[in-house]
């Protein structure tokens, strides 16, 4: 019942447009590096990163937490060097 009551019009956030500042705060970035020489490849949102490197979100989170390489790439939530 609670879930049904929050659908579409009954949702207090229905029709509210998020500002670009809010979206920027909510977006979590993933920094991608080449594992051979640690060269910086780019920064992606989690959704973009999983699509770009053809991996599931669970797999992405596993490699972010462990710090292991995946297909020659290292994924991190923190910037490892200045660009």
PDB file of N, CA and C in Angstrom:
ATOM      1  N   UNK A   1       0.820  -1.191   0.000  1.00  0.00           N
ATOM      2  CA  UNK A   1       0.000   0.000   0.000  1.00  0.00           C
ATOM      3  C   UNK A   1       0.868   1.261   0.000  1.00  0.00           C
ATOM      4  N   UNK A   2       1.945   1.253   0.795  1.00  0.00           N
ATOM      5  CA  UNK A   2       2.780   2.440   0.853  1.00  0.00           C
ATOM      6  C   UNK A   2       3.435   2.713  -0.495  1.00  0.00           C
ATOM      7  N   UNK A   3       3.860   1.650  -1.154  1.00  0.00           N
ATOM      8  CA  UNK A   3       4.483   1.813  -2.458  1.00  0.00           C
ATOM      9  C   UNK A   3       3.470   2.342  -3.473  1.00  0.00           C
ATOM     10  N   UNK A   4       2.272   1.801  -3.430  1.00  0.00           N
ATOM     11  CA  UNK A   4       1.235   2.240  -4.348  1.00  0.00           C
ATOM     12  C   UNK A   4       0.876   3.705  -4.123  1.00  0.00           C
ATOM     13  N   UNK A   5       0.914   4.150  -2.887  1.00  0.00           N
ATOM     14  CA  UNK A   5       0.555   5.523  -2.567  1.00  0.00           C
ATOM     15  C   UNK A   5       1.606   6.530  -3.036  1.00  0.00           C
ATOM     16  N   UNK A   6       2.814   6.079  -3.351  1.00  0.00           N
ATOM     17  CA  UNK A   6       3.886   6.984  -3.762  1.00  0.00           C
ATOM     18  C   UNK A   6       4.085   7.012  -5.275  1.00  0.00           C
ATOM     19  N   UNK A   7       3.205   6.374  -6.034  1.00  0.00           N
ATOM     20  CA  UNK A   7       3.363   6.299  -7.475  1.00  0.00           C
ATOM     21  C   UNK A   7       2.825   7.565  -8.134  1.00  0.00           C
ATOM     22  N   UNK A   8       3.521   8.069  -9.086  1.00  0.00           N
ATOM     23  CA  UNK A   8       3.212   9.195  -9.959  1.00  0.00           C
ATOM     24  C   UNK A   8       2.718  10.425  -9.196  1.00  0.00           C
ATOM     25  N   UNK A   9       1.462  10.748  -9.266  1.00  0.00           N
ATOM     26  CA  UNK A   9       0.944  12.019  -8.750  1.00  0.00           C
ATOM     27  C   UNK A   9       1.034  12.106  -7.225  1.00  0.00           C
ATOM     28  N   UNK A  10       0.914  10.983  -6.544  1.00  0.00           N
ATOM     29  CA  UNK A  10       0.960  10.997  -5.080  1.00  0.00           C
ATOM     30  C   UNK A  10       2.383  11.151  -4.537  1.00  0.00           C
ATOM     31  N   UNK A  11       3.390  11.004  -5.390  1.00  0.00           N
ATOM     32  CA  UNK A  11       4.773  11.144  -4.962  1.00  0.00           C
ATOM     33  C   UNK A  11       5.077  12.622  -4.734  1.00  0.00           C
ATOM     34  N   UNK A  12       5.640  12.973  -3.569  1.00  0.00           N
ATOM     35  CA  UNK A  12       5.921  14.387  -3.308  1.00  0.00           C
ATOM     36  C   UNK A  12       6.961  14.980  -4.260  1.00  0.00           C
ATOM     37  N   UNK A  13       7.784  14.147  -4.903  1.00  0.00           N
ATOM     38  CA  UNK A  13       8.796  14.625  -5.835  1.00  0.00           C
ATOM     39  C   UNK A  13       8.321  14.601  -7.292  1.00  0.00           C
ATOM     40  N   UNK A  14       7.066  14.246  -7.527  1.00  0.00           N
ATOM     41  CA  UNK A  14       6.534  14.167  -8.886  1.00  0.00           C
ATOM     42  C   UNK A  14       6.520  15.545  -9.533  1.00  0.00           C
ATOM     43  N   UNK A  15       7.136  15.655 -10.697  1.00  0.00           N
ATOM     44  CA  UNK A  15       7.161  16.905 -11.432  1.00  0.00           C
ATOM     45  C   UNK A  15       8.239  17.870 -10.996  1.00  0.00           C
ATOM     46  N   UNK A  16       8.977  17.543  -9.960  1.00  0.00           N
ATOM     47  CA  UNK A  16      10.044  18.418  -9.499  1.00  0.00           C
ATOM     48  C   UNK A  16      11.263  18.186 -10.381  1.00  0.00           C
ATOM     49  N   UNK A  17      11.772  19.235 -10.965  1.00  0.00           N
ATOM     50  CA  UNK A  17      12.942  19.130 -11.832  1.00  0.00           C
ATOM     51  C   UNK A  17      14.183  19.405 -10.990  1.00  0.00           C
ATOM     52  N   UNK A  18      15.132  18.478 -11.061  1.00  0.00           N
ATOM     53  CA  UNK A  18      16.363  18.626 -10.291  1.00  0.00           C
ATOM     54  C   UNK A  18      17.282  19.610 -11.000  1.00  0.00           C
ATOM     55  N   UNK A  19      17.924  20.452 -10.215  1.00  0.00           N
ATOM     56  CA  UNK A  19      18.864  21.410 -10.793  1.00  0.00           C
ATOM     57  C   UNK A  19      20.161  20.695 -11.161  1.00  0.00           C
ATOM     58  N   UNK A  20      20.972  21.350 -11.951  1.00  0.00           N
ATOM     59  CA  UNK A  20      22.244  20.745 -12.360  1.00  0.00           C
ATOM     60  C   UNK A  20      23.170  20.563 -11.162  1.00  0.00           C
ATOM     61  N   UNK A  21      23.078  21.436 -10.160  1.00  0.00           N
ATOM     62  CA  UNK A  21      23.889  21.285  -8.948  1.00  0.00           C
ATOM     63  C   UNK A  21      23.500  20.025  -8.183  1.00  0.00           C
ATOM     64  N   UNK A  22      22.204  19.767  -8.091  1.00  0.00           N
ATOM     65  CA  UNK A  22      21.719  18.582  -7.389  1.00  0.00           C
ATOM     66  C   UNK A  22      22.146  17.316  -8.117  1.00  0.00           C
ATOM     67  N   UNK A  23      22.022  17.315  -9.424  1.00  0.00           N
ATOM     68  CA  UNK A  23      22.420  16.140 -10.206  1.00  0.00           C
ATOM     69  C   UNK A  23      23.914  15.898 -10.064  1.00  0.00           C
ATOM     70  N   UNK A  24      24.710  16.960 -10.040  1.00  0.00           N
ATOM     71  CA  UNK A  24      26.153  16.834  -9.881  1.00  0.00           C
ATOM     72  C   UNK A  24      26.510  16.241  -8.523  1.00  0.00           C
ATOM     73  N   UNK A  25      25.770  16.606  -7.489  1.00  0.00           N
ATOM     74  CA  UNK A  25      26.024  16.066  -6.153  1.00  0.00           C
ATOM     75  C   UNK A  25      25.645  14.588  -6.063  1.00  0.00           C
ATOM     76  N   UNK A  26      24.609  14.182  -6.795  1.00  0.00           N
ATOM     77  CA  UNK A  26      24.141  12.803  -6.740  1.00  0.00           C
ATOM     78  C   UNK A  26      24.973  11.856  -7.595  1.00  0.00           C
ATOM     79  N   UNK A  27      25.631  12.370  -8.625  1.00  0.00           N
ATOM     80  CA  UNK A  27      26.396  11.539  -9.550  1.00  0.00           C
ATOM     81  C   UNK A  27      27.712  11.136  -8.907  1.00  0.00           C
ATOM     82  N   UNK A  28      27.969   9.842  -8.878  1.00  0.00           N
ATOM     83  CA  UNK A  28      29.221   9.333  -8.338  1.00  0.00           C
ATOM     84  C   UNK A  28      30.130   8.987  -9.503  1.00  0.00           C
ATOM     85  N   UNK A  29      31.328   9.529  -9.483  1.00  0.00           N
ATOM     86  CA  UNK A  29      32.256   9.323 -10.580  1.00  0.00           C
ATOM     87  C   UNK A  29      33.162   8.124 -10.332  1.00  0.00           C
ATOM     88  N   UNK A  30      33.535   7.471 -11.431  1.00  0.00           N
ATOM     89  CA  UNK A  30      34.501   6.381 -11.407  1.00  0.00           C
ATOM     90  C   UNK A  30      35.656   6.824 -12.280  1.00  0.00           C
ATOM     91  N   UNK A  31      36.865   6.790 -11.721  1.00  0.00           N
ATOM     92  CA  UNK A  31      38.063   7.156 -12.468  1.00  0.00           C
ATOM     93  C   UNK A  31      38.701   5.880 -12.996  1.00  0.00           C
ATOM     94  N   UNK A  32      39.064   5.886 -14.282  1.00  0.00           N
ATOM     95  CA  UNK A  32      39.572   4.683 -14.939  1.00  0.00           C
ATOM     96  C   UNK A  32      41.017   4.924 -15.358  1.00  0.00           C
ATOM     97  N   UNK A  33      41.868   3.931 -15.054  1.00  0.00           N
ATOM     98  CA  UNK A  33      43.291   4.000 -15.369  1.00  0.00           C
ATOM     99  C   UNK A  33      43.721   2.746 -16.110  1.00  0.00           C
ATOM    100  N   UNK A  34      44.753   2.886 -16.939  1.00  0.00           N
ATOM    101  CA  UNK A  34      45.369   1.744 -17.586  1.00  0.00           C
ATOM    102  C   UNK A  34      46.238   1.044 -16.546  1.00  0.00           C
ATOM    103  N   UNK A  35      46.133  -0.276 -16.425  1.00  0.00           N
ATOM    104  CA  UNK A  35      46.839  -0.985 -15.364  1.00  0.00           C
ATOM    105  C   UNK A  35      48.332  -1.133 -15.639  1.00  0.00           C
ATOM    106  N   UNK A  36      48.759  -1.001 -16.884  1.00  0.00           N
ATOM    107  CA  UNK A  36      50.176  -1.198 -17.214  1.00  0.00           C
ATOM    108  C   UNK A  36      51.019  -0.026 -16.736  1.00  0.00           C
ATOM    109  N   UNK A  37      50.636   1.179 -17.118  1.00  0.00           N
ATOM    110  CA  UNK A  37      51.450   2.341 -16.764  1.00  0.00           C
ATOM    111  C   UNK A  37      50.696   3.371 -15.922  1.00  0.00           C
ATOM    112  N   UNK A  38      49.522   3.009 -15.445  1.00  0.00           N
ATOM    113  CA  UNK A  38      48.675   3.871 -14.608  1.00  0.00           C
ATOM    114  C   UNK A  38      48.339   5.191 -15.295  1.00  0.00           C
ATOM    115  N   UNK A  39      48.240   5.185 -16.617  1.00  0.00           N
ATOM    116  CA  UNK A  39      47.829   6.391 -17.326  1.00  0.00           C
ATOM    117  C   UNK A  39      46.320   6.576 -17.175  1.00  0.00           C
ATOM    118  N   UNK A  40      45.926   7.812 -17.082  1.00  0.00           N
ATOM    119  CA  UNK A  40      44.529   8.183 -16.843  1.00  0.00           C
ATOM    120  C   UNK A  40      43.744   8.036 -18.139  1.00  0.00           C
ATOM    121  N   UNK A  41      42.662   7.270 -18.103  1.00  0.00           N
ATOM    122  CA  UNK A  41      41.812   7.085 -19.280  1.00  0.00           C
ATOM    123  C   UNK A  41      40.663   8.074 -19.275  1.00  0.00           C
ATOM    124  N   UNK A  42      39.986   8.218 -18.135  1.00  0.00           N
ATOM    125  CA  UNK A  42      38.881   9.161 -18.062  1.00  0.00           C
ATOM    126  C   UNK A  42      38.041   8.953 -16.823  1.00  0.00           C
ATOM    127  N   UNK A  43      37.051   9.822 -16.640  1.00  0.00           N
ATOM    128  CA  UNK A  43      36.118   9.694 -15.522  1.00  0.00           C
ATOM    129  C   UNK A  43      34.724   9.521 -16.098  1.00  0.00           C
ATOM    130  N   UNK A  44      33.968   8.627 -15.485  1.00  0.00           N
ATOM    131  CA  UNK A  44      32.637   8.272 -15.956  1.00  0.00           C
ATOM    132  C   UNK A  44      31.701   8.188 -14.761  1.00  0.00           C
ATOM    133  N   UNK A  45      30.409   8.362 -15.020  1.00  0.00           N
ATOM    134  CA  UNK A  45      29.430   8.030 -13.985  1.00  0.00           C
ATOM    135  C   UNK A  45      29.359   6.505 -13.922  1.00  0.00           C
ATOM    136  N   UNK A  46      28.791   5.966 -12.871  1.00  0.00           N
ATOM    137  CA  UNK A  46      28.763   4.512 -12.724  1.00  0.00           C
ATOM    138  C   UNK A  46      28.007   3.843 -13.863  1.00  0.00           C
ATOM    139  N   UNK A  47      26.910   4.444 -14.305  1.00  0.00           N
ATOM    140  CA  UNK A  47      26.122   3.862 -15.392  1.00  0.00           C
ATOM    141  C   UNK A  47      26.908   3.911 -16.699  1.00  0.00           C
ATOM    142  N   UNK A  48      27.515   5.056 -16.993  1.00  0.00           N
ATOM    143  CA  UNK A  48      28.311   5.185 -18.209  1.00  0.00           C
ATOM    144  C   UNK A  48      29.484   4.222 -18.208  1.00  0.00           C
ATOM    145  N   UNK A  49      30.128   4.070 -17.073  1.00  0.00           N
ATOM    146  CA  UNK A  49      31.303   3.210 -16.970  1.00  0.00           C
ATOM    147  C   UNK A  49      30.932   1.757 -17.223  1.00  0.00           C
ATOM    148  N   UNK A  50      29.842   1.291 -16.647  1.00  0.00           N
ATOM    149  CA  UNK A  50      29.445  -0.099 -16.854  1.00  0.00           C
ATOM    150  C   UNK A  50      29.069  -0.351 -18.308  1.00  0.00           C
ATOM    151  N   UNK A  51      28.477   0.631 -18.978  1.00  0.00           N
ATOM    152  CA  UNK A  51      28.140   0.474 -20.395  1.00  0.00           C
ATOM    153  C   UNK A  51      29.375   0.567 -21.277  1.00  0.00           C
ATOM    154  N   UNK A  52      30.248   1.521 -20.981  1.00  0.00           N
ATOM    155  CA  UNK A  52      31.435   1.755 -21.801  1.00  0.00           C
ATOM    156  C   UNK A  52      32.384   0.553 -21.796  1.00  0.00           C
ATOM    157  N   UNK A  53      32.565  -0.055 -20.631  1.00  0.00           N
ATOM    158  CA  UNK A  53      33.509  -1.161 -20.516  1.00  0.00           C
ATOM    159  C   UNK A  53      32.806  -2.517 -20.503  1.00  0.00           C
ATOM    160  N   UNK A  54      31.525  -2.513 -20.840  1.00  0.00           N
ATOM    161  CA  UNK A  54      30.748  -3.741 -21.039  1.00  0.00           C
ATOM    162  C   UNK A  54      30.825  -4.679 -19.836  1.00  0.00           C
ATOM    163  N   UNK A  55      30.403  -4.167 -18.693  1.00  0.00           N
ATOM    164  CA  UNK A  55      30.396  -4.956 -17.466  1.00  0.00           C
ATOM    165  C   UNK A  55      29.168  -4.605 -16.647  1.00  0.00           C
ATOM    166  N   UNK A  56      28.760  -5.519 -15.797  1.00  0.00           N
ATOM    167  CA  UNK A  56      27.623  -5.271 -14.933  1.00  0.00           C
ATOM    168  C   UNK A  56      27.979  -4.341 -13.795  1.00  0.00           C
ATOM    169  N   UNK A  57      26.974  -3.727 -13.200  1.00  0.00           N
ATOM    170  CA  UNK A  57      27.219  -2.805 -12.090  1.00  0.00           C
ATOM    171  C   UNK A  57      27.814  -3.518 -10.881  1.00  0.00           C
ATOM    172  N   UNK A  58      27.368  -4.745 -10.634  1.00  0.00           N
ATOM    173  CA  UNK A  58      27.919  -5.504  -9.511  1.00  0.00           C
ATOM    174  C   UNK A  58      29.395  -5.801  -9.721  1.00  0.00           C
ATOM    175  N   UNK A  59      29.762  -6.138 -10.943  1.00  0.00           N
ATOM    176  CA  UNK A  59      31.165  -6.398 -11.262  1.00  0.00           C
ATOM    177  C   UNK A  59      31.984  -5.123 -11.102  1.00  0.00           C
ATOM    178  N   UNK A  60      31.441  -4.012 -11.547  1.00  0.00           N
ATOM    179  CA  UNK A  60      32.128  -2.728 -11.404  1.00  0.00           C
ATOM    180  C   UNK A  60      32.381  -2.413  -9.935  1.00  0.00           C
ATOM    181  N   UNK A  61      31.366  -2.553  -9.098  1.00  0.00           N
ATOM    182  CA  UNK A  61      31.530  -2.284  -7.668  1.00  0.00           C
ATOM    183  C   UNK A  61      32.559  -3.210  -7.044  1.00  0.00           C
ATOM    184  N   UNK A  62      32.582  -4.467  -7.460  1.00  0.00           N
ATOM    185  CA  UNK A  62      33.549  -5.428  -6.914  1.00  0.00           C
ATOM    186  C   UNK A  62      34.978  -4.987  -7.230  1.00  0.00           C
ATOM    187  N   UNK A  63      35.224  -4.557  -8.457  1.00  0.00           N
ATOM    188  CA  UNK A  63      36.574  -4.150  -8.837  1.00  0.00           C
ATOM    189  C   UNK A  63      36.938  -2.785  -8.265  1.00  0.00           C
ATOM    190  N   UNK A  64      35.974  -1.935  -7.999  1.00  0.00           N
ATOM    191  CA  UNK A  64      36.269  -0.663  -7.331  1.00  0.00           C
ATOM    192  C   UNK A  64      36.697  -0.932  -5.888  1.00  0.00           C
ATOM    193  N   UNK A  65      35.965  -1.796  -5.196  1.00  0.00           N
ATOM    194  CA  UNK A  65      36.274  -2.079  -3.791  1.00  0.00           C
ATOM    195  C   UNK A  65      37.592  -2.819  -3.624  1.00  0.00           C
ATOM    196  N   UNK A  66      37.868  -3.808  -4.486  1.00  0.00           N
ATOM    197  CA  UNK A  66      39.069  -4.624  -4.347  1.00  0.00           C
ATOM    198  C   UNK A  66      40.306  -3.955  -4.915  1.00  0.00           C
ATOM    199  N   UNK A  67      40.144  -3.096  -5.904  1.00  0.00           N
ATOM    200  CA  UNK A  67      41.289  -2.445  -6.522  1.00  0.00           C
ATOM    201  C   UNK A  67      42.020  -3.326  -7.517  1.00  0.00           C
ATOM    202  N   UNK A  68      41.448  -4.459  -7.884  1.00  0.00           N
ATOM    203  CA  UNK A  68      42.061  -5.339  -8.872  1.00  0.00           C
ATOM    204  C   UNK A  68      41.814  -4.794 -10.271  1.00  0.00           C
ATOM    205  N   UNK A  69      42.583  -5.298 -11.226  1.00  0.00           N
ATOM    206  CA  UNK A  69      42.382  -4.874 -12.609  1.00  0.00           C
ATOM    207  C   UNK A  69      41.325  -5.727 -13.289  1.00  0.00           C
ATOM    208  N   UNK A  70      40.642  -5.139 -14.239  1.00  0.00           N
ATOM    209  CA  UNK A  70      39.635  -5.819 -15.039  1.00  0.00           C
ATOM    210  C   UNK A  70      39.903  -5.487 -16.489  1.00  0.00           C
ATOM    211  N   UNK A  71      40.294  -6.463 -17.262  1.00  0.00           N
ATOM    212  CA  UNK A  71      40.613  -6.294 -18.685  1.00  0.00           C
ATOM    213  C   UNK A  71      41.614  -5.162 -18.908  1.00  0.00           C
ATOM    214  N   UNK A  72      42.636  -5.117 -18.061  1.00  0.00           N
ATOM    215  CA  UNK A  72      43.692  -4.123 -18.227  1.00  0.00           C
ATOM    216  C   UNK A  72      43.349  -2.738 -17.723  1.00  0.00           C
ATOM    217  N   UNK A  73      42.257  -2.598 -16.990  1.00  0.00           N
ATOM    218  CA  UNK A  73      41.835  -1.303 -16.471  1.00  0.00           C
ATOM    219  C   UNK A  73      41.704  -1.379 -14.945  1.00  0.00           C
ATOM    220  N   UNK A  74      41.990  -0.274 -14.291  1.00  0.00           N
ATOM    221  CA  UNK A  74      41.803  -0.163 -12.849  1.00  0.00           C
ATOM    222  C   UNK A  74      40.753   0.912 -12.610  1.00  0.00           C
ATOM    223  N   UNK A  75      39.763   0.594 -11.790  1.00  0.00           N
ATOM    224  CA  UNK A  75      38.654   1.496 -11.496  1.00  0.00           C
ATOM    225  C   UNK A  75      38.785   2.002 -10.070  1.00  0.00           C
ATOM    226  N   UNK A  76      38.536   3.289  -9.861  1.00  0.00           N
ATOM    227  CA  UNK A  76      38.694   3.884  -8.535  1.00  0.00           C
ATOM    228  C   UNK A  76      37.658   4.984  -8.337  1.00  0.00           C
ATOM    229  N   UNK A  77      37.243   5.186  -7.102  1.00  0.00           N
ATOM    230  CA  UNK A  77      36.340   6.288  -6.767  1.00  0.00           C
ATOM    231  C   UNK A  77      37.108   7.567  -6.475  1.00  0.00           C
ATOM    232  N   UNK A  78      38.406   7.449  -6.191  1.00  0.00           N
ATOM    233  CA  UNK A  78      39.228   8.627  -5.879  1.00  0.00           C
ATOM    234  C   UNK A  78      40.188   8.885  -7.027  1.00  0.00           C
ATOM    235  N   UNK A  79      40.503  10.133  -7.235  1.00  0.00           N
ATOM    236  CA  UNK A  79      41.445  10.524  -8.267  1.00  0.00           C
ATOM    237  C   UNK A  79      42.836  10.186  -7.770  1.00  0.00           C
ATOM    238  N   UNK A  80      43.562   9.338  -8.488  1.00  0.00           N
ATOM    239  CA  UNK A  80      44.864   8.865  -8.039  1.00  0.00           C
ATOM    240  C   UNK A  80      45.993   9.804  -8.407  1.00  0.00           C
ATOM    241  N   UNK A  81      45.786  10.698  -9.359  1.00  0.00           N
ATOM    242  CA  UNK A  81      46.788  11.689  -9.719  1.00  0.00           C
ATOM    243  C   UNK A  81      46.099  12.929 -10.255  1.00  0.00           C
ATOM    244  N   UNK A  82      46.821  13.999 -10.319  1.00  0.00           N
ATOM    245  CA  UNK A  82      46.272  15.247 -10.857  1.00  0.00           C
ATOM    246  C   UNK A  82      46.337  15.209 -12.370  1.00  0.00           C
ATOM    247  N   UNK A  83      45.261  15.623 -13.010  1.00  0.00           N
ATOM    248  CA  UNK A  83      45.235  15.610 -14.480  1.00  0.00           C
ATOM    249  C   UNK A  83      45.607  16.951 -15.049  1.00  0.00           C
TER     250      UNK A  83
END
